[in-house]
């Protein structure tokens, strides 16, 4: 099955977001945060992490809405209940 362009973009955004909240990148952000501990009256590291977590969540939500492979109603098959089995036991 071929991966669509939207899925490639989604996977790229998720990979970049996960990399941006990992320790090697956080070390570089921490150096900036030591010089500027507050950005818009919020801790700089906290804003950095919240931004990338928001990017991940928004990416999931947008992908769930627009990607065809993620749609749960694409098959549109009607659910048919199976008949109940007799579980009473005995020789009847």
PDB file of N, CA and C in Angstrom:
ATOM      1  N   UNK A   1       0.841  -1.167   0.000  1.00  0.00           N
ATOM      2  CA  UNK A   1       0.000   0.000   0.000  1.00  0.00           C
ATOM      3  C   UNK A   1       0.892   1.238   0.000  1.00  0.00           C
ATOM      4  N   UNK A   2       0.536   2.166  -0.825  1.00  0.00           N
ATOM      5  CA  UNK A   2       1.356   3.358  -1.002  1.00  0.00           C
ATOM      6  C   UNK A   2       1.002   4.430   0.033  1.00  0.00           C
ATOM      7  N   UNK A   3       2.007   5.108   0.553  1.00  0.00           N
ATOM      8  CA  UNK A   3       1.805   6.160   1.541  1.00  0.00           C
ATOM      9  C   UNK A   3       1.499   7.468   0.817  1.00  0.00           C
ATOM     10  N   UNK A   4       0.462   8.156   1.249  1.00  0.00           N
ATOM     11  CA  UNK A   4       0.067   9.404   0.603  1.00  0.00           C
ATOM     12  C   UNK A   4       0.983  10.552   1.047  1.00  0.00           C
ATOM     13  N   UNK A   5       0.896  11.640   0.315  1.00  0.00           N
ATOM     14  CA  UNK A   5       1.714  12.818   0.610  1.00  0.00           C
ATOM     15  C   UNK A   5       1.370  13.384   1.996  1.00  0.00           C
ATOM     16  N   UNK A   6       0.079  13.361   2.342  1.00  0.00           N
ATOM     17  CA  UNK A   6      -0.345  13.855   3.654  1.00  0.00           C
ATOM     18  C   UNK A   6       0.241  13.042   4.789  1.00  0.00           C
ATOM     19  N   UNK A   7       0.319  11.719   4.601  1.00  0.00           N
ATOM     20  CA  UNK A   7       0.907  10.876   5.639  1.00  0.00           C
ATOM     21  C   UNK A   7       2.396  11.138   5.788  1.00  0.00           C
ATOM     22  N   UNK A   8       3.079  11.358   4.684  1.00  0.00           N
ATOM     23  CA  UNK A   8       4.511  11.677   4.746  1.00  0.00           C
ATOM     24  C   UNK A   8       4.729  12.976   5.520  1.00  0.00           C
ATOM     25  N   UNK A   9       3.889  13.975   5.248  1.00  0.00           N
ATOM     26  CA  UNK A   9       3.998  15.245   5.968  1.00  0.00           C
ATOM     27  C   UNK A   9       3.723  15.026   7.457  1.00  0.00           C
ATOM     28  N   UNK A  10       2.697  14.230   7.770  1.00  0.00           N
ATOM     29  CA  UNK A  10       2.379  13.946   9.177  1.00  0.00           C
ATOM     30  C   UNK A  10       3.555  13.284   9.880  1.00  0.00           C
ATOM     31  N   UNK A  11       4.120  12.234   9.262  1.00  0.00           N
ATOM     32  CA  UNK A  11       5.239  11.534   9.882  1.00  0.00           C
ATOM     33  C   UNK A  11       6.448  12.453  10.041  1.00  0.00           C
ATOM     34  N   UNK A  12       6.690  13.315   9.080  1.00  0.00           N
ATOM     35  CA  UNK A  12       7.816  14.251   9.174  1.00  0.00           C
ATOM     36  C   UNK A  12       7.617  15.223  10.339  1.00  0.00           C
ATOM     37  N   UNK A  13       6.402  15.733  10.487  1.00  0.00           N
ATOM     38  CA  UNK A  13       6.119  16.664  11.587  1.00  0.00           C
ATOM     39  C   UNK A  13       6.294  15.970  12.941  1.00  0.00           C
ATOM     40  N   UNK A  14       5.810  14.743  13.057  1.00  0.00           N
ATOM     41  CA  UNK A  14       5.932  14.018  14.325  1.00  0.00           C
ATOM     42  C   UNK A  14       7.399  13.735  14.646  1.00  0.00           C
ATOM     43  N   UNK A  15       8.164  13.304  13.650  1.00  0.00           N
ATOM     44  CA  UNK A  15       9.589  13.018  13.888  1.00  0.00           C
ATOM     45  C   UNK A  15      10.332  14.281  14.302  1.00  0.00           C
ATOM     46  N   UNK A  16      10.085  15.388  13.611  1.00  0.00           N
ATOM     47  CA  UNK A  16      10.745  16.647  13.966  1.00  0.00           C
ATOM     48  C   UNK A  16      10.343  17.081  15.375  1.00  0.00           C
ATOM     49  N   UNK A  17       9.066  16.950  15.702  1.00  0.00           N
ATOM     50  CA  UNK A  17       8.594  17.354  17.036  1.00  0.00           C
ATOM     51  C   UNK A  17       9.229  16.519  18.136  1.00  0.00           C
ATOM     52  N   UNK A  18       9.339  15.218  17.916  1.00  0.00           N
ATOM     53  CA  UNK A  18       9.951  14.347  18.926  1.00  0.00           C
ATOM     54  C   UNK A  18      11.436  14.683  19.092  1.00  0.00           C
ATOM     55  N   UNK A  19      12.103  14.978  17.995  1.00  0.00           N
ATOM     56  CA  UNK A  19      13.522  15.353  18.072  1.00  0.00           C
ATOM     57  C   UNK A  19      13.686  16.663  18.838  1.00  0.00           C
ATOM     58  N   UNK A  20      12.779  17.605  18.632  1.00  0.00           N
ATOM     59  CA  UNK A  20      12.918  18.921  19.261  1.00  0.00           C
ATOM     60  C   UNK A  20      12.693  18.905  20.774  1.00  0.00           C
ATOM     61  N   UNK A  21      12.101  17.855  21.319  1.00  0.00           N
ATOM     62  CA  UNK A  21      11.912  17.809  22.776  1.00  0.00           C
ATOM     63  C   UNK A  21      12.877  16.830  23.440  1.00  0.00           C
ATOM     64  N   UNK A  22      13.841  16.304  22.706  1.00  0.00           N
ATOM     65  CA  UNK A  22      14.825  15.374  23.257  1.00  0.00           C
ATOM     66  C   UNK A  22      16.032  16.112  23.823  1.00  0.00           C
ATOM     67  N   UNK A  23      16.785  15.471  24.714  1.00  0.00           N
ATOM     68  CA  UNK A  23      17.878  16.127  25.438  1.00  0.00           C
ATOM     69  C   UNK A  23      18.937  16.841  24.585  1.00  0.00           C
ATOM     70  N   UNK A  24      19.413  16.316  23.454  1.00  0.00           N
ATOM     71  CA  UNK A  24      20.435  17.083  22.736  1.00  0.00           C
ATOM     72  C   UNK A  24      19.956  18.461  22.284  1.00  0.00           C
ATOM     73  N   UNK A  25      18.735  18.554  21.840  1.00  0.00           N
ATOM     74  CA  UNK A  25      18.184  19.848  21.426  1.00  0.00           C
ATOM     75  C   UNK A  25      17.858  20.683  22.661  1.00  0.00           C
ATOM     76  N   UNK A  26      17.347  20.043  23.695  1.00  0.00           N
ATOM     77  CA  UNK A  26      17.015  20.770  24.915  1.00  0.00           C
ATOM     78  C   UNK A  26      18.248  21.408  25.547  1.00  0.00           C
ATOM     79  N   UNK A  27      19.407  20.794  25.351  1.00  0.00           N
ATOM     80  CA  UNK A  27      20.641  21.380  25.869  1.00  0.00           C
ATOM     81  C   UNK A  27      20.898  22.729  25.204  1.00  0.00           C
ATOM     82  N   UNK A  28      20.654  22.819  23.903  1.00  0.00           N
ATOM     83  CA  UNK A  28      20.848  24.093  23.201  1.00  0.00           C
ATOM     84  C   UNK A  28      19.798  25.117  23.626  1.00  0.00           C
ATOM     85  N   UNK A  29      18.574  24.679  23.804  1.00  0.00           N
ATOM     86  CA  UNK A  29      17.517  25.585  24.251  1.00  0.00           C
ATOM     87  C   UNK A  29      17.797  26.040  25.671  1.00  0.00           C
ATOM     88  N   UNK A  30      18.355  25.164  26.499  1.00  0.00           N
ATOM     89  CA  UNK A  30      18.663  25.507  27.875  1.00  0.00           C
ATOM     90  C   UNK A  30      19.709  26.617  27.943  1.00  0.00           C
ATOM     91  N   UNK A  31      20.675  26.594  27.028  1.00  0.00           N
ATOM     92  CA  UNK A  31      21.664  27.681  27.014  1.00  0.00           C
ATOM     93  C   UNK A  31      20.984  29.017  26.753  1.00  0.00           C
ATOM     94  N   UNK A  32      20.030  29.036  25.829  1.00  0.00           N
ATOM     95  CA  UNK A  32      19.282  30.272  25.556  1.00  0.00           C
ATOM     96  C   UNK A  32      18.414  30.642  26.760  1.00  0.00           C
ATOM     97  N   UNK A  33      17.828  29.624  27.404  1.00  0.00           N
ATOM     98  CA  UNK A  33      16.946  29.872  28.543  1.00  0.00           C
ATOM     99  C   UNK A  33      17.714  30.407  29.753  1.00  0.00           C
ATOM    100  N   UNK A  34      18.973  30.048  29.882  1.00  0.00           N
ATOM    101  CA  UNK A  34      19.768  30.570  30.996  1.00  0.00           C
ATOM    102  C   UNK A  34      20.004  32.068  30.829  1.00  0.00           C
ATOM    103  N   UNK A  35      20.137  32.521  29.588  1.00  0.00           N
ATOM    104  CA  UNK A  35      20.312  33.956  29.332  1.00  0.00           C
ATOM    105  C   UNK A  35      18.979  34.693  29.409  1.00  0.00           C
ATOM    106  N   UNK A  36      17.923  34.052  28.960  1.00  0.00           N
ATOM    107  CA  UNK A  36      16.577  34.641  28.951  1.00  0.00           C
ATOM    108  C   UNK A  36      15.614  33.678  29.652  1.00  0.00           C
ATOM    109  N   UNK A  37      15.580  33.696  30.979  1.00  0.00           N
ATOM    110  CA  UNK A  37      14.757  32.695  31.680  1.00  0.00           C
ATOM    111  C   UNK A  37      13.262  32.850  31.428  1.00  0.00           C
ATOM    112  N   UNK A  38      12.798  34.064  31.123  1.00  0.00           N
ATOM    113  CA  UNK A  38      11.376  34.267  30.879  1.00  0.00           C
ATOM    114  C   UNK A  38      11.147  34.804  29.471  1.00  0.00           C
ATOM    115  N   UNK A  39      10.155  34.244  28.812  1.00  0.00           N
ATOM    116  CA  UNK A  39       9.712  34.735  27.509  1.00  0.00           C
ATOM    117  C   UNK A  39       8.215  34.965  27.645  1.00  0.00           C
ATOM    118  N   UNK A  40       7.778  36.195  27.431  1.00  0.00           N
ATOM    119  CA  UNK A  40       6.371  36.564  27.618  1.00  0.00           C
ATOM    120  C   UNK A  40       5.896  36.201  29.032  1.00  0.00           C
ATOM    121  N   UNK A  41       6.759  36.377  30.010  1.00  0.00           N
ATOM    122  CA  UNK A  41       6.498  36.087  31.426  1.00  0.00           C
ATOM    123  C   UNK A  41       6.229  34.616  31.714  1.00  0.00           C
ATOM    124  N   UNK A  42       6.672  33.730  30.862  1.00  0.00           N
ATOM    125  CA  UNK A  42       6.609  32.281  31.079  1.00  0.00           C
ATOM    126  C   UNK A  42       8.018  31.725  31.001  1.00  0.00           C
ATOM    127  N   UNK A  43       8.302  30.637  31.701  1.00  0.00           N
ATOM    128  CA  UNK A  43       9.621  30.019  31.588  1.00  0.00           C
ATOM    129  C   UNK A  43       9.884  29.597  30.133  1.00  0.00           C
ATOM    130  N   UNK A  44      11.054  29.903  29.645  1.00  0.00           N
ATOM    131  CA  UNK A  44      11.396  29.658  28.248  1.00  0.00           C
ATOM    132  C   UNK A  44      11.345  28.180  27.893  1.00  0.00           C
ATOM    133  N   UNK A  45      11.894  27.328  28.741  1.00  0.00           N
ATOM    134  CA  UNK A  45      11.875  25.883  28.463  1.00  0.00           C
ATOM    135  C   UNK A  45      10.441  25.376  28.403  1.00  0.00           C
ATOM    136  N   UNK A  46       9.614  25.837  29.320  1.00  0.00           N
ATOM    137  CA  UNK A  46       8.213  25.408  29.336  1.00  0.00           C
ATOM    138  C   UNK A  46       7.512  25.808  28.038  1.00  0.00           C
ATOM    139  N   UNK A  47       7.734  27.038  27.581  1.00  0.00           N
ATOM    140  CA  UNK A  47       7.133  27.474  26.313  1.00  0.00           C
ATOM    141  C   UNK A  47       7.631  26.632  25.146  1.00  0.00           C
ATOM    142  N   UNK A  48       8.915  26.324  25.126  1.00  0.00           N
ATOM    143  CA  UNK A  48       9.486  25.505  24.060  1.00  0.00           C
ATOM    144  C   UNK A  48       8.798  24.134  24.010  1.00  0.00           C
ATOM    145  N   UNK A  49       8.695  23.484  25.166  1.00  0.00           N
ATOM    146  CA  UNK A  49       8.079  22.161  25.216  1.00  0.00           C
ATOM    147  C   UNK A  49       6.595  22.222  24.880  1.00  0.00           C
ATOM    148  N   UNK A  50       5.889  23.208  25.415  1.00  0.00           N
ATOM    149  CA  UNK A  50       4.464  23.316  25.125  1.00  0.00           C
ATOM    150  C   UNK A  50       4.216  23.572  23.642  1.00  0.00           C
ATOM    151  N   UNK A  51       5.053  24.365  23.008  1.00  0.00           N
ATOM    152  CA  UNK A  51       4.899  24.622  21.577  1.00  0.00           C
ATOM    153  C   UNK A  51       5.010  23.326  20.776  1.00  0.00           C
ATOM    154  N   UNK A  52       6.023  22.526  21.048  1.00  0.00           N
ATOM    155  CA  UNK A  52       6.213  21.302  20.269  1.00  0.00           C
ATOM    156  C   UNK A  52       5.170  20.248  20.601  1.00  0.00           C
ATOM    157  N   UNK A  53       4.690  20.198  21.837  1.00  0.00           N
ATOM    158  CA  UNK A  53       3.598  19.270  22.160  1.00  0.00           C
ATOM    159  C   UNK A  53       2.315  19.700  21.448  1.00  0.00           C
ATOM    160  N   UNK A  54       2.085  21.009  21.378  1.00  0.00           N
ATOM    161  CA  UNK A  54       0.927  21.508  20.642  1.00  0.00           C
ATOM    162  C   UNK A  54       1.028  21.155  19.163  1.00  0.00           C
ATOM    163  N   UNK A  55       2.222  21.261  18.587  1.00  0.00           N
ATOM    164  CA  UNK A  55       2.419  20.890  17.179  1.00  0.00           C
ATOM    165  C   UNK A  55       2.084  19.415  16.975  1.00  0.00           C
ATOM    166  N   UNK A  56       2.517  18.551  17.894  1.00  0.00           N
ATOM    167  CA  UNK A  56       2.214  17.117  17.773  1.00  0.00           C
ATOM    168  C   UNK A  56       0.715  16.853  17.852  1.00  0.00           C
ATOM    169  N   UNK A  57       0.052  17.450  18.824  1.00  0.00           N
ATOM    170  CA  UNK A  57      -1.386  17.227  18.992  1.00  0.00           C
ATOM    171  C   UNK A  57      -2.155  17.766  17.800  1.00  0.00           C
ATOM    172  N   UNK A  58      -1.808  18.955  17.330  1.00  0.00           N
ATOM    173  CA  UNK A  58      -2.485  19.527  16.169  1.00  0.00           C
ATOM    174  C   UNK A  58      -2.261  18.663  14.937  1.00  0.00           C
ATOM    175  N   UNK A  59      -1.064  18.128  14.795  1.00  0.00           N
ATOM    176  CA  UNK A  59      -0.772  17.251  13.662  1.00  0.00           C
ATOM    177  C   UNK A  59      -1.644  16.004  13.693  1.00  0.00           C
ATOM    178  N   UNK A  60      -1.803  15.392  14.866  1.00  0.00           N
ATOM    179  CA  UNK A  60      -2.675  14.219  14.993  1.00  0.00           C
ATOM    180  C   UNK A  60      -4.119  14.562  14.654  1.00  0.00           C
ATOM    181  N   UNK A  61      -4.615  15.681  15.177  1.00  0.00           N
ATOM    182  CA  UNK A  61      -6.003  16.047  14.931  1.00  0.00           C
ATOM    183  C   UNK A  61      -6.262  16.354  13.462  1.00  0.00           C
ATOM    184  N   UNK A  62      -5.385  17.108  12.847  1.00  0.00           N
ATOM    185  CA  UNK A  62      -5.553  17.443  11.429  1.00  0.00           C
ATOM    186  C   UNK A  62      -5.455  16.184  10.575  1.00  0.00           C
ATOM    187  N   UNK A  63      -4.534  15.306  10.911  1.00  0.00           N
ATOM    188  CA  UNK A  63      -4.397  14.053  10.158  1.00  0.00           C
ATOM    189  C   UNK A  63      -5.627  13.175  10.325  1.00  0.00           C
ATOM    190  N   UNK A  64      -6.195  13.133  11.522  1.00  0.00           N
ATOM    191  CA  UNK A  64      -7.384  12.314  11.752  1.00  0.00           C
ATOM    192  C   UNK A  64      -8.571  12.827  10.942  1.00  0.00           C
ATOM    193  N   UNK A  65      -8.604  14.104  10.688  1.00  0.00           N
ATOM    194  CA  UNK A  65      -9.715  14.673   9.921  1.00  0.00           C
ATOM    195  C   UNK A  65      -9.502  14.492   8.419  1.00  0.00           C
ATOM    196  N   UNK A  66      -8.282  14.712   7.930  1.00  0.00           N
ATOM    197  CA  UNK A  66      -8.068  14.803   6.487  1.00  0.00           C
ATOM    198  C   UNK A  66      -7.495  13.557   5.811  1.00  0.00           C
ATOM    199  N   UNK A  67      -6.839  12.670   6.537  1.00  0.00           N
ATOM    200  CA  UNK A  67      -6.247  11.506   5.881  1.00  0.00           C
ATOM    201  C   UNK A  67      -7.295  10.428   5.646  1.00  0.00           C
ATOM    202  N   UNK A  68      -7.382   9.954   4.413  1.00  0.00           N
ATOM    203  CA  UNK A  68      -8.390   8.951   4.063  1.00  0.00           C
ATOM    204  C   UNK A  68      -8.161   7.638   4.790  1.00  0.00           C
ATOM    205  N   UNK A  69      -6.921   7.237   4.944  1.00  0.00           N
ATOM    206  CA  UNK A  69      -6.633   5.951   5.572  1.00  0.00           C
ATOM    207  C   UNK A  69      -7.019   5.936   7.049  1.00  0.00           C
ATOM    208  N   UNK A  70      -7.137   7.097   7.672  1.00  0.00           N
ATOM    209  CA  UNK A  70      -7.472   7.165   9.086  1.00  0.00           C
ATOM    210  C   UNK A  70      -8.973   7.241   9.329  1.00  0.00           C
ATOM    211  N   UNK A  71      -9.763   7.327   8.281  1.00  0.00           N
ATOM    212  CA  UNK A  71     -11.210   7.429   8.453  1.00  0.00           C
ATOM    213  C   UNK A  71     -11.795   6.082   8.809  1.00  0.00           C
ATOM    214  N   UNK A  72     -12.599   6.040   9.848  1.00  0.00           N
ATOM    215  CA  UNK A  72     -13.162   4.765  10.293  1.00  0.00           C
ATOM    216  C   UNK A  72     -14.427   4.404   9.541  1.00  0.00           C
ATOM    217  N   UNK A  73     -15.022   5.329   8.825  1.00  0.00           N
ATOM    218  CA  UNK A  73     -16.260   5.036   8.119  1.00  0.00           C
ATOM    219  C   UNK A  73     -16.040   4.733   6.642  1.00  0.00           C
ATOM    220  N   UNK A  74     -14.811   4.497   6.227  1.00  0.00           N
ATOM    221  CA  UNK A  74     -14.538   4.288   4.809  1.00  0.00           C
ATOM    222  C   UNK A  74     -15.104   2.967   4.285  1.00  0.00           C
ATOM    223  N   UNK A  75     -15.247   1.965   5.138  1.00  0.00           N
ATOM    224  CA  UNK A  75     -15.797   0.697   4.676  1.00  0.00           C
ATOM    225  C   UNK A  75     -17.318   0.727   4.629  1.00  0.00           C
ATOM    226  N   UNK A  76     -17.952   1.423   5.541  1.00  0.00           N
ATOM    227  CA  UNK A  76     -19.398   1.593   5.609  1.00  0.00           C
ATOM    228  C   UNK A  76     -20.135   0.263   5.562  1.00  0.00           C
ATOM    229  N   UNK A  77     -19.617  -0.750   6.214  1.00  0.00           N
ATOM    230  CA  UNK A  77     -20.297  -2.036   6.277  1.00  0.00           C
ATOM    231  C   UNK A  77     -21.259  -2.032   7.453  1.00  0.00           C
ATOM    232  N   UNK A  78     -22.431  -2.597   7.235  1.00  0.00           N
ATOM    233  CA  UNK A  78     -23.416  -2.663   8.295  1.00  0.00           C
ATOM    234  C   UNK A  78     -23.039  -3.775   9.271  1.00  0.00           C
ATOM    235  N   UNK A  79     -23.214  -3.509  10.546  1.00  0.00           N
ATOM    236  CA  UNK A  79     -22.902  -4.498  11.568  1.00  0.00           C
ATOM    237  C   UNK A  79     -24.101  -5.433  11.708  1.00  0.00           C
ATOM    238  N   UNK A  80     -23.862  -6.713  11.527  1.00  0.00           N
ATOM    239  CA  UNK A  80     -24.923  -7.715  11.620  1.00  0.00           C
ATOM    240  C   UNK A  80     -24.644  -8.575  12.847  1.00  0.00           C
ATOM    241  N   UNK A  81     -25.582  -8.612  13.809  1.00  0.00           N
ATOM    242  CA  UNK A  81     -25.346  -9.437  14.997  1.00  0.00           C
ATOM    243  C   UNK A  81     -25.460 -10.922  14.672  1.00  0.00           C
ATOM    244  N   UNK A  82     -24.635 -11.718  15.323  1.00  0.00           N
ATOM    245  CA  UNK A  82     -24.684 -13.166  15.138  1.00  0.00           C
ATOM    246  C   UNK A  82     -25.716 -13.758  16.088  1.00  0.00           C
ATOM    247  N   UNK A  83     -26.313 -14.884  15.721  1.00  0.00           N
ATOM    248  CA  UNK A  83     -27.295 -15.503  16.620  1.00  0.00           C
ATOM    249  C   UNK A  83     -26.613 -16.002  17.895  1.00  0.00           C
ATOM    250  N   UNK A  84     -27.357 -15.938  18.998  1.00  0.00           N
ATOM    251  CA  UNK A  84     -26.814 -16.375  20.292  1.00  0.00           C
ATOM    252  C   UNK A  84     -26.715 -17.883  20.343  1.00  0.00           C
ATOM    253  N   UNK A  85     -25.685 -18.358  20.992  1.00  0.00           N
ATOM    254  CA  UNK A  85     -25.500 -19.785  21.160  1.00  0.00           C
ATOM    255  C   UNK A  85     -26.190 -20.241  22.439  1.00  0.00           C
ATOM    256  N   UNK A  86     -26.643 -21.487  22.446  1.00  0.00           N
ATOM    257  CA  UNK A  86     -27.260 -22.051  23.643  1.00  0.00           C
ATOM    258  C   UNK A  86     -26.144 -22.546  24.557  1.00  0.00           C
ATOM    259  N   UNK A  87     -25.956 -21.882  25.674  1.00  0.00           N
ATOM    260  CA  UNK A  87     -24.872 -22.219  26.605  1.00  0.00           C
ATOM    261  C   UNK A  87     -25.387 -22.867  27.898  1.00  0.00           C
ATOM    262  N   UNK A  88     -26.622 -23.346  27.896  1.00  0.00           N
ATOM    263  CA  UNK A  88     -27.201 -23.895  29.121  1.00  0.00           C
ATOM    264  C   UNK A  88     -26.578 -25.232  29.525  1.00  0.00           C
ATOM    265  N   UNK A  89     -26.083 -25.954  28.557  1.00  0.00           N
ATOM    266  CA  UNK A  89     -25.472 -27.251  28.861  1.00  0.00           C
ATOM    267  C   UNK A  89     -26.536 -28.329  29.029  1.00  0.00           C
ATOM    268  N   UNK A  90     -26.119 -29.483  29.528  1.00  0.00           N
ATOM    269  CA  UNK A  90     -27.063 -30.582  29.688  1.00  0.00           C
ATOM    270  C   UNK A  90     -27.306 -31.299  28.368  1.00  0.00           C
ATOM    271  N   UNK A  91     -28.101 -32.295  28.370  1.00  0.00           N
ATOM    272  CA  UNK A  91     -28.329 -33.084  27.172  1.00  0.00           C
ATOM    273  C   UNK A  91     -29.580 -32.661  26.415  1.00  0.00           C
ATOM    274  N   UNK A  92     -30.073 -31.534  26.605  1.00  0.00           N
ATOM    275  CA  UNK A  92     -31.316 -31.091  25.967  1.00  0.00           C
ATOM    276  C   UNK A  92     -31.132 -30.648  24.550  1.00  0.00           C
TER     277      UNK A  92
END
